[in-house]
Protein backbone atom coordinates (compact mmCIF):
# COMPACT_ATOMS: atom_id res chain seq x y z
CA MET A 1 4.03 21.15 -24.55
CA GLU A 2 3.27 22.88 -21.24
CA THR A 3 0.16 20.74 -20.81
CA VAL A 4 2.20 17.54 -21.14
CA GLN A 5 4.79 18.78 -18.63
CA SER A 6 2.04 19.92 -16.26
CA GLY A 7 0.39 16.50 -16.54
CA ARG A 8 3.69 14.80 -15.76
CA ARG A 9 4.24 17.02 -12.73
CA THR A 10 0.72 16.27 -11.50
CA ALA A 11 1.21 12.53 -12.00
CA SER A 12 4.60 12.54 -10.29
CA GLY A 13 3.17 14.67 -7.48
CA ALA A 14 0.30 12.22 -7.02
CA PHE A 15 2.73 9.29 -7.06
CA ALA A 16 5.00 10.97 -4.50
CA SER A 17 2.00 11.79 -2.30
CA PHE A 18 0.80 8.20 -2.55
CA ALA A 19 4.25 6.90 -1.62
CA ARG A 20 4.31 9.19 1.46
CA PHE A 21 0.71 8.15 2.24
CA VAL A 22 1.69 4.47 2.16
CA LEU A 23 4.74 5.12 4.31
CA CYS A 24 2.96 7.22 6.95
CA GLY A 25 -0.48 5.60 6.82
CA GLY A 26 0.91 2.12 6.30
CA GLY A 27 3.23 2.47 9.26
CA VAL A 28 0.37 3.62 11.46
CA GLY A 29 -1.82 0.85 10.00
CA VAL A 30 0.65 -1.92 10.78
CA ALA A 31 1.11 -0.60 14.32
CA SER A 32 -2.69 -0.43 14.62
CA SER A 33 -3.08 -4.04 13.58
CA PHE A 34 -0.88 -5.12 16.49
CA ALA A 35 -2.75 -2.77 18.83
CA VAL A 36 -6.11 -4.22 17.75
CA ALA A 37 -4.86 -7.75 18.34
CA ALA A 38 -3.54 -6.83 21.80
CA LEU A 39 -6.67 -4.92 22.82
CA ALA A 40 -8.97 -7.63 21.46
CA SER A 41 -7.54 -10.06 24.01
CA TRP A 42 -9.06 -7.87 26.79
CA THR A 43 -12.09 -6.30 25.12
CA PRO A 44 -14.52 -7.20 22.34
CA TRP A 45 -12.90 -6.89 18.89
CA VAL A 46 -15.33 -4.18 17.74
CA LEU A 47 -14.40 -1.97 20.71
CA ALA A 48 -10.69 -2.63 20.24
CA ASN A 49 -11.00 -1.71 16.56
CA ALA A 50 -12.96 1.48 17.38
CA LEU A 51 -10.38 2.67 19.94
CA THR A 52 -7.47 1.86 17.67
CA THR A 53 -9.15 3.54 14.70
CA ALA A 54 -9.77 6.74 16.68
CA VAL A 55 -6.19 7.04 17.93
CA SER A 56 -4.59 6.00 14.64
CA THR A 57 -6.78 8.44 12.69
CA LEU A 58 -5.65 11.37 14.81
CA LEU A 59 -2.01 10.37 14.42
CA ALA A 60 -2.25 9.63 10.69
CA THR A 61 -4.11 12.89 9.95
CA GLU A 62 -1.32 14.86 11.61
CA LEU A 63 1.31 12.93 9.66
CA HIS A 64 -0.58 13.42 6.40
CA ALA A 65 -0.98 17.16 7.04
CA ARG A 66 2.71 17.60 7.76
CA PHE A 67 4.33 15.21 5.30
CA THR A 68 2.01 13.49 2.84
CA PHE A 69 0.06 16.39 1.40
CA GLY A 70 2.41 19.24 2.23
CA ALA A 71 0.07 21.33 4.37
CA GLY A 72 3.17 22.36 6.30
CA GLY A 73 1.78 22.28 9.80
CA HIS A 74 -0.84 20.85 12.10
CA ALA A 75 -4.08 19.56 10.66
CA THR A 76 -7.04 21.85 11.25
CA ARG A 77 -10.17 20.77 13.09
CA ARG A 78 -11.99 20.69 9.75
CA GLN A 79 -9.35 18.37 8.33
CA HIS A 80 -9.53 16.12 11.38
CA ALA A 81 -13.34 15.98 11.08
CA GLN A 82 -13.23 15.16 7.37
CA SER A 83 -10.51 12.61 7.91
CA ALA A 84 -12.58 11.04 10.68
CA GLY A 85 -15.42 10.59 8.21
CA SER A 86 -13.20 8.64 5.85
CA ALA A 87 -11.80 6.68 8.80
CA ALA A 88 -15.34 5.77 9.88
CA ALA A 89 -15.90 4.26 6.44
CA ALA A 90 -12.59 2.39 6.75
CA TYR A 91 -13.68 1.15 10.19
CA ALA A 92 -16.90 -0.18 8.68
CA VAL A 93 -14.94 -1.99 5.95
CA THR A 94 -12.66 -3.69 8.50
CA CYS A 95 -15.61 -4.67 10.70
CA VAL A 96 -17.48 -6.18 7.75
CA ALA A 97 -14.35 -8.04 6.63
CA MET A 98 -13.84 -9.53 10.08
CA PHE A 99 -17.56 -10.39 10.35
CA VAL A 100 -17.41 -12.22 7.02
CA LEU A 101 -14.24 -14.02 8.10
CA ARG A 102 -15.92 -15.25 11.27
CA GLN A 103 -18.94 -16.40 9.25
CA LEU A 104 -16.69 -18.40 6.92
CA VAL A 105 -14.19 -19.72 9.48
CA ALA A 106 -15.41 -20.82 12.91
CA THR A 107 -12.15 -20.12 14.76
CA PRO A 108 -9.74 -18.18 12.58
CA GLY A 109 -6.12 -18.07 13.68
CA ALA A 110 -4.30 -14.87 14.52
CA VAL A 111 -2.36 -14.90 11.23
CA LEU A 112 -5.53 -15.27 9.14
CA GLU A 113 -7.20 -12.48 11.13
CA GLN A 114 -4.19 -10.21 10.52
CA VAL A 115 -4.19 -11.00 6.78
CA VAL A 116 -7.90 -10.22 6.47
CA TYR A 117 -7.64 -7.11 8.65
CA LEU A 118 -4.62 -5.72 6.78
CA SER A 119 -6.18 -6.53 3.39
CA ALA A 120 -9.37 -4.68 4.32
CA THR A 121 -7.32 -1.81 5.73
CA GLY A 122 -5.28 -1.61 2.52
CA LEU A 123 -8.40 -1.52 0.35
CA ALA A 124 -9.94 1.17 2.53
CA GLY A 125 -6.60 3.01 2.54
CA VAL A 126 -6.60 3.45 -1.22
CA ALA A 127 -10.07 5.00 -1.03
CA ARG A 128 -8.96 7.18 1.89
CA PHE A 129 -5.98 8.45 -0.11
CA ALA A 130 -8.32 9.65 -2.84
CA VAL A 131 -10.62 11.37 -0.33
CA LEU A 132 -7.77 13.00 1.58
CA ARG A 133 -5.97 14.17 -1.57
CA LEU A 134 -9.04 15.40 -3.45
CA VAL A 135 -11.13 16.74 -0.57
CA VAL A 136 -9.48 17.08 2.83
CA PHE A 137 -6.09 18.50 1.84
CA ALA A 138 -6.91 19.73 -1.69
CA ARG A 139 -7.09 23.44 -0.80
CA ASN A 140 -3.80 23.41 1.08
CA ARG A 141 -2.07 21.75 -1.84
CA SER A 142 -3.26 24.34 -4.37
CA GLU A 143 -2.43 27.27 -2.08
CA ALA A 144 1.05 25.94 -1.44
CA ALA A 145 1.66 25.23 -5.13
CA ALA A 146 0.73 28.71 -6.43
CA PRO A 147 3.60 30.72 -4.94
CA ALA A 148 6.11 27.98 -5.69
CA SER A 149 5.08 27.87 -9.35
CA GLY A 150 5.33 31.62 -9.79
CA GLY A 151 1.56 31.96 -10.00
CA SER A 152 -0.51 34.75 -8.62
CA ARG A 153 -3.79 34.78 -6.72
CA VAL A 154 -7.08 36.22 -7.89
CA ALA A 155 -10.47 36.42 -6.30
CA ASP A 156 -13.23 34.33 -7.82
CA ALA A 157 -16.90 35.32 -8.02
CA ALA A 158 -17.47 34.36 -4.39
CA GLY A 159 -14.51 36.45 -3.25
CA ALA A 160 -12.34 33.45 -2.35
CA ALA A 161 -8.70 33.69 -3.37
CA ARG A 162 -7.59 31.07 -5.83
CA PRO A 163 -4.20 30.51 -7.45
CA VAL A 164 -3.68 31.31 -11.11
CA HIS A 165 -0.74 29.87 -12.99
CA PRO A 166 0.99 32.45 -15.22
CA ALA A 167 0.71 30.18 -18.27
CA THR A 168 -3.08 30.41 -18.09
CA THR A 169 -3.08 34.20 -18.29
CA ARG A 170 -0.69 34.79 -21.19
CA GLY A 171 -2.29 36.58 -24.11
CA THR A 172 -5.63 37.00 -22.40
CA ALA A 173 -7.24 40.28 -21.58
CA PRO A 174 -8.57 40.81 -18.06
CA THR A 175 -12.33 40.35 -17.88
CA ASP A 176 -12.89 41.05 -14.20
CA PRO A 177 -14.37 44.58 -13.79
CA ALA A 178 -12.05 45.36 -10.88
CA THR A 179 -9.02 44.35 -12.93
CA LEU A 180 -10.24 46.41 -15.89
CA CYS A 181 -10.59 49.49 -13.67
CA ARG A 182 -7.07 49.07 -12.26
CA ALA A 183 -5.63 48.50 -15.74
CA ALA A 184 -7.24 51.68 -17.12
């Protein structure tokens, strides 16, 4: 029964995170699409996209650290660097999409460009959500969840603290030598 409830909490947590991701990242993405269009009128599109991607990634990473994934504060440099990696992949996807559009349509209109750009951004955004949730902000999520769920923290073989949910320790004897010594 606990496994089913835990699975439901995980699924609802993932859904809530995705909803916040869409709200924060989508808002930044829509604003970025207008910024790219405006900058592209003065500079080459690739440069406009690169500048917009850099600024929007910094802003979105901060929003995701604070609101989407519950890190509770500013994003760390490591998180910004990892997020930048996923943003670089998203940048490549949008560049390829626009390149293909221009190969298929000689002079695409602004609306068609926006549709293609936002579609490519949305596709890349789903992949970014998975990377940010499972890699970039994964540790912060598990650390924040342990105290809230009544769990405790134990050291693993490498000495790193990891959360342990009380349900996983019921009826089991301690096997860690340090725990055995303290229990004796």
